[in-house]
């Protein structure tokens, strides 16, 4: 929301309360969802990489004792 306001600072009247149209609000929510999805995907890839490192037999499986012994 602050990013949107910053990008619109030259068109926003600072003396009037901010009101957002449905179209603008949905655009803001879409951009937030996209950013969260990218962050979540990066976290997922990191976790998958760490799990592959625990798979010593390259079987696609991680022994539970190895999994639970991780910090």
C-alpha atoms as a PDB file:
ATOM      1  CA  UNK A   1       0.000   0.000   0.000  1.00  0.00           C
ATOM      2  CA  UNK A   2       2.807   2.392   0.826  1.00  0.00           C
ATOM      3  CA  UNK A   3       4.499   1.546  -2.473  1.00  0.00           C
ATOM      4  CA  UNK A   4       1.316   2.365  -4.375  1.00  0.00           C
ATOM      5  CA  UNK A   5       0.942   5.644  -2.472  1.00  0.00           C
ATOM      6  CA  UNK A   6       4.579   6.530  -3.126  1.00  0.00           C
ATOM      7  CA  UNK A   7       4.227   5.845  -6.843  1.00  0.00           C
ATOM      8  CA  UNK A   8       1.124   8.046  -6.930  1.00  0.00           C
ATOM      9  CA  UNK A   9       2.499  10.830  -4.700  1.00  0.00           C
ATOM     10  CA  UNK A  10       2.547  13.389  -7.500  1.00  0.00           C
ATOM     11  CA  UNK A  11      -1.176  12.869  -8.205  1.00  0.00           C
ATOM     12  CA  UNK A  12      -2.494  12.480  -4.643  1.00  0.00           C
ATOM     13  CA  UNK A  13      -3.797  15.509  -2.757  1.00  0.00           C
ATOM     14  CA  UNK A  14      -2.238  15.326   0.734  1.00  0.00           C
ATOM     15  CA  UNK A  15      -5.113  17.344   2.226  1.00  0.00           C
ATOM     16  CA  UNK A  16      -7.853  14.882   1.248  1.00  0.00           C
ATOM     17  CA  UNK A  17      -8.352  11.459   2.891  1.00  0.00           C
ATOM     18  CA  UNK A  18      -7.219   8.630   0.624  1.00  0.00           C
ATOM     19  CA  UNK A  19      -9.998   6.634  -0.988  1.00  0.00           C
ATOM     20  CA  UNK A  20      -9.324   3.665  -3.251  1.00  0.00           C
ATOM     21  CA  UNK A  21     -11.613   2.498  -6.017  1.00  0.00           C
ATOM     22  CA  UNK A  22     -12.393  -1.186  -6.303  1.00  0.00           C
ATOM     23  CA  UNK A  23     -10.177  -1.389  -9.382  1.00  0.00           C
ATOM     24  CA  UNK A  24      -7.208   0.158  -7.544  1.00  0.00           C
ATOM     25  CA  UNK A  25      -7.778  -2.000  -4.449  1.00  0.00           C
ATOM     26  CA  UNK A  26      -7.899  -5.166  -6.557  1.00  0.00           C
ATOM     27  CA  UNK A  27      -4.721  -4.089  -8.372  1.00  0.00           C
ATOM     28  CA  UNK A  28      -2.960  -3.598  -5.022  1.00  0.00           C
ATOM     29  CA  UNK A  29      -4.117  -7.013  -3.787  1.00  0.00           C
ATOM     30  CA  UNK A  30      -2.962  -8.701  -7.010  1.00  0.00           C
ATOM     31  CA  UNK A  31       0.501  -7.171  -6.704  1.00  0.00           C
ATOM     32  CA  UNK A  32       0.697  -8.236  -3.038  1.00  0.00           C
ATOM     33  CA  UNK A  33      -0.343 -11.795  -3.947  1.00  0.00           C
ATOM     34  CA  UNK A  34       2.219 -11.904  -6.743  1.00  0.00           C
ATOM     35  CA  UNK A  35       4.995 -10.718  -4.425  1.00  0.00           C
ATOM     36  CA  UNK A  36       3.990 -13.240  -1.755  1.00  0.00           C
ATOM     37  CA  UNK A  37       3.909 -16.029  -4.349  1.00  0.00           C
ATOM     38  CA  UNK A  38       7.431 -15.187  -5.485  1.00  0.00           C
ATOM     39  CA  UNK A  39       8.669 -15.133  -1.887  1.00  0.00           C
ATOM     40  CA  UNK A  40       6.919 -18.414  -1.099  1.00  0.00           C
ATOM     41  CA  UNK A  41       8.324 -20.046  -4.238  1.00  0.00           C
ATOM     42  CA  UNK A  42      11.866 -19.027  -3.274  1.00  0.00           C
ATOM     43  CA  UNK A  43      11.371 -20.465   0.210  1.00  0.00           C
ATOM     44  CA  UNK A  44       9.962 -23.684  -1.261  1.00  0.00           C
ATOM     45  CA  UNK A  45      12.922 -24.080  -3.630  1.00  0.00           C
ATOM     46  CA  UNK A  46      15.343 -23.561  -0.751  1.00  0.00           C
ATOM     47  CA  UNK A  47      13.586 -26.210   1.357  1.00  0.00           C
ATOM     48  CA  UNK A  48      13.530 -28.667  -1.565  1.00  0.00           C
ATOM     49  CA  UNK A  49      17.254 -28.145  -2.091  1.00  0.00           C
ATOM     50  CA  UNK A  50      17.967 -28.809   1.578  1.00  0.00           C
ATOM     51  CA  UNK A  51      15.825 -31.949   1.525  1.00  0.00           C
ATOM     52  CA  UNK A  52      17.629 -33.228  -1.588  1.00  0.00           C
ATOM     53  CA  UNK A  53      20.890 -32.757   0.334  1.00  0.00           C
ATOM     54  CA  UNK A  54      19.586 -35.108   3.046  1.00  0.00           C
ATOM     55  CA  UNK A  55      18.749 -37.822   0.486  1.00  0.00           C
ATOM     56  CA  UNK A  56      22.005 -39.807   0.511  1.00  0.00           C
ATOM     57  CA  UNK A  57      20.651 -42.630  -1.690  1.00  0.00           C
ATOM     58  CA  UNK A  58      19.111 -40.353  -4.358  1.00  0.00           C
ATOM     59  CA  UNK A  59      15.828 -42.195  -3.890  1.00  0.00           C
ATOM     60  CA  UNK A  60      13.694 -39.088  -3.433  1.00  0.00           C
ATOM     61  CA  UNK A  61      13.162 -40.016   0.202  1.00  0.00           C
ATOM     62  CA  UNK A  62      14.636 -38.647   3.409  1.00  0.00           C
ATOM     63  CA  UNK A  63      14.951 -40.942   6.424  1.00  0.00           C
ATOM     64  CA  UNK A  64      12.891 -39.630   9.331  1.00  0.00           C
ATOM     65  CA  UNK A  65      15.816 -39.675  11.730  1.00  0.00           C
ATOM     66  CA  UNK A  66      17.773 -37.366   9.389  1.00  0.00           C
ATOM     67  CA  UNK A  67      14.746 -35.119   8.917  1.00  0.00           C
ATOM     68  CA  UNK A  68      14.022 -34.784  12.639  1.00  0.00           C
ATOM     69  CA  UNK A  69      17.685 -34.240  13.536  1.00  0.00           C
ATOM     70  CA  UNK A  70      17.794 -31.027  11.474  1.00  0.00           C
ATOM     71  CA  UNK A  71      17.730 -27.670  13.294  1.00  0.00           C
END
